[in-house]
N, C-alpha and C. Protein backbone atom coordinates (compact mmCIF):
# COMPACT_ATOMS: atom_id res chain seq x y z
N MET A 1 58.45 112.48 50.86
CA MET A 1 59.50 113.04 50.12
C MET A 1 58.50 114.64 49.76
N ASN A 2 57.68 114.53 50.04
CA ASN A 2 56.96 116.07 49.78
C ASN A 2 57.46 117.18 50.56
N SER A 3 58.59 117.32 50.93
CA SER A 3 59.04 118.32 51.87
C SER A 3 59.53 119.50 50.72
N PRO A 4 59.20 120.84 51.36
CA PRO A 4 60.05 121.88 50.75
C PRO A 4 61.28 122.26 50.60
N ASP A 5 61.90 122.87 49.94
CA ASP A 5 63.24 123.04 49.60
C ASP A 5 63.36 124.14 50.38
N ILE A 6 62.81 125.18 50.37
CA ILE A 6 62.60 126.05 51.99
C ILE A 6 61.94 126.34 52.87
N ARG A 7 62.30 126.48 54.06
CA ARG A 7 61.16 126.08 54.82
C ARG A 7 61.44 127.63 55.79
N VAL A 8 60.33 128.19 56.41
CA VAL A 8 60.46 129.27 56.94
C VAL A 8 60.40 129.01 58.57
N GLU A 9 61.53 129.45 59.35
CA GLU A 9 61.39 129.08 60.53
C GLU A 9 60.71 129.64 61.16
N LYS A 10 60.70 131.01 61.25
CA LYS A 10 59.80 132.34 62.23
C LYS A 10 59.09 132.88 61.66
N GLY A 11 57.76 132.84 61.86
CA GLY A 11 56.87 134.24 61.21
C GLY A 11 56.31 133.51 60.09
N HIS A 12 55.75 133.79 59.01
CA HIS A 12 54.61 134.14 58.08
C HIS A 12 55.39 134.57 56.55
N ALA A 13 56.31 133.77 55.40
CA ALA A 13 56.40 134.59 54.36
C ALA A 13 55.78 134.27 53.04
N GLU A 14 54.69 135.38 52.69
CA GLU A 14 54.10 135.08 51.57
C GLU A 14 55.06 134.36 50.27
N PRO A 15 54.16 133.84 49.45
CA PRO A 15 54.65 133.31 48.29
C PRO A 15 55.26 133.97 47.65
N GLU A 16 55.19 135.18 47.43
CA GLU A 16 56.29 136.41 47.03
C GLU A 16 57.37 136.70 47.20
N GLU A 17 57.73 136.46 48.72
CA GLU A 17 58.98 136.67 49.85
C GLU A 17 59.92 135.17 49.18
N VAL A 18 59.03 134.04 49.44
CA VAL A 18 59.96 133.40 49.13
C VAL A 18 60.41 132.88 47.88
N ALA A 19 59.48 133.59 46.36
CA ALA A 19 60.30 133.52 45.53
C ALA A 19 61.18 134.26 45.24
N ALA A 20 61.08 135.71 46.03
CA ALA A 20 61.82 136.57 45.73
C ALA A 20 63.63 135.88 46.70
N LEU A 21 63.25 135.54 47.52
CA LEU A 21 64.94 134.85 48.68
C LEU A 21 65.42 133.76 47.37
N THR A 22 64.74 132.82 46.70
CA THR A 22 64.84 131.68 45.86
C THR A 22 65.28 132.69 44.52
N ALA A 23 65.18 133.52 44.20
CA ALA A 23 65.39 134.32 43.00
C ALA A 23 67.14 134.57 43.50
N ILE A 24 66.97 135.68 44.17
CA ILE A 24 68.39 135.73 45.01
C ILE A 24 69.58 134.86 45.49
N LEU A 25 69.09 133.32 45.87
CA LEU A 25 69.88 132.70 45.88
C LEU A 25 70.44 131.88 44.94
N LEU A 26 69.51 131.79 43.73
CA LEU A 26 69.65 130.85 42.60
C LEU A 26 70.65 132.15 42.33
N ALA A 27 70.41 133.61 42.23
CA ALA A 27 71.11 134.37 40.87
C ALA A 27 72.80 134.11 42.29
N ARG A 28 72.80 134.08 43.23
CA ARG A 28 73.99 134.28 43.95
C ARG A 28 74.62 132.53 43.32
N ALA A 29 73.94 131.51 43.80
CA ALA A 29 74.56 130.62 42.96
C ALA A 29 75.16 130.44 41.55
N SER A 30 74.32 131.05 40.93
CA SER A 30 75.29 130.94 39.33
C SER A 30 76.59 131.82 39.34
N ALA A 31 76.65 133.16 39.88
CA ALA A 31 77.52 133.59 40.13
C ALA A 31 78.85 132.84 40.51
N HIS A 32 78.87 132.59 41.93
CA HIS A 32 79.54 131.69 42.42
C HIS A 32 80.48 130.56 41.56
N THR A 33 79.25 129.92 40.48
CA THR A 33 80.08 128.96 39.87
C THR A 33 80.68 129.42 38.64
N ALA A 34 80.33 130.50 38.10
CA ALA A 34 81.01 131.14 37.19
C ALA A 34 82.44 130.62 37.40
N ALA A 35 83.43 131.02 35.73
CA ALA A 35 84.68 130.50 35.60
C ALA A 35 85.81 131.47 36.90
N PRO A 36 86.45 131.29 37.53
CA PRO A 36 87.23 131.74 38.42
C PRO A 36 88.00 133.01 38.07
N THR A 37 87.97 134.45 38.26
CA THR A 37 89.07 134.85 37.53
C THR A 37 90.32 134.80 38.48
N PRO A 38 91.45 135.21 37.41
CA PRO A 38 92.89 134.77 37.88
C PRO A 38 93.31 135.52 39.13
N THR A 39 94.19 135.17 39.98
CA THR A 39 94.43 136.15 40.91
C THR A 39 95.99 136.27 40.73
N ALA A 40 96.50 136.98 41.56
CA ALA A 40 97.93 137.14 41.69
C ALA A 40 98.70 136.16 42.67
N THR A 41 99.29 135.40 42.30
CA THR A 41 100.16 134.96 42.97
C THR A 41 100.56 135.14 44.43
N ARG A 42 100.21 134.40 45.59
CA ARG A 42 100.70 135.16 46.65
C ARG A 42 101.93 134.33 47.13
N ARG A 43 102.24 135.06 48.18
CA ARG A 43 103.92 134.18 48.72
C ARG A 43 103.16 133.93 50.01
N ALA A 44 104.04 133.29 50.18
CA ALA A 44 103.96 132.02 51.45
C ALA A 44 104.01 133.06 52.67
N ARG A 45 103.49 132.64 53.82
CA ARG A 45 103.80 133.97 55.15
C ARG A 45 104.98 133.07 55.37
N TRP A 46 105.78 131.46 55.55
CA TRP A 46 106.19 130.92 55.98
C TRP A 46 108.02 130.62 55.22
N ARG A 47 108.47 131.07 56.20
CA ARG A 47 110.16 130.46 55.29
C ARG A 47 110.90 129.18 55.35
N ARG A 48 111.30 128.95 54.81
CA ARG A 48 112.40 127.77 54.77
C ARG A 48 113.46 127.91 55.56
N LEU A 49 113.37 127.03 57.15
CA LEU A 49 114.94 127.28 57.34
C LEU A 49 115.93 126.72 56.56
N GLU A 50 115.92 125.97 55.49
CA GLU A 50 117.67 125.77 54.88
C GLU A 50 117.57 127.23 54.06
N ARG A 51 117.07 127.90 54.20
CA ARG A 51 117.54 129.39 53.28
C ARG A 51 117.53 130.40 53.90
N GLU A 52 117.53 129.94 55.57
CA GLU A 52 117.68 131.38 56.59
C GLU A 52 119.53 131.06 56.88
N PRO A 53 119.82 132.31 57.17
CA PRO A 53 120.90 131.97 57.80
C PRO A 53 121.24 131.39 59.03
N GLY A 54 122.15 130.84 59.41
CA GLY A 54 122.45 130.32 60.53
C GLY A 54 122.36 130.76 62.01
N PHE A 55 122.32 132.21 61.92
CA PHE A 55 122.02 132.79 63.53
C PHE A 55 121.93 134.03 63.08
N ARG A 56 121.19 134.23 64.34
CA ARG A 56 120.12 135.53 64.60
C ARG A 56 120.73 136.05 65.75
N ALA A 57 120.54 137.07 65.77
CA ALA A 57 120.91 138.15 66.88
C ALA A 57 119.81 138.27 68.14
N PRO A 58 119.62 137.64 69.06
CA PRO A 58 118.53 137.61 70.14
C PRO A 58 117.93 139.07 69.85
N HIS A 59 118.39 139.72 69.77
CA HIS A 59 117.70 141.32 69.48
C HIS A 59 116.98 141.43 68.48
N SER A 60 117.07 141.08 67.32
CA SER A 60 116.60 141.08 66.23
C SER A 60 114.96 140.45 66.42
N TRP A 61 114.23 141.35 64.78
CA TRP A 61 113.23 141.28 64.85
C TRP A 61 113.01 140.25 63.89
N ARG A 62 113.80 139.89 63.26
CA ARG A 62 113.72 138.54 62.03
C ARG A 62 113.62 137.31 62.53
């Protein structure tokens, strides 16, 4: 159970490079878990068929 949390797949990373990468990943993770900002409500892209008129002309675009 002594496996590292971060593993370099190709090449050789110095300890400073691994520390910098870890700091960036932790900063992004903490920013992602912050309180979400409220967003505007989005309209659904689909239409309910019962609210549509019963007939559409064959040449119409809607």
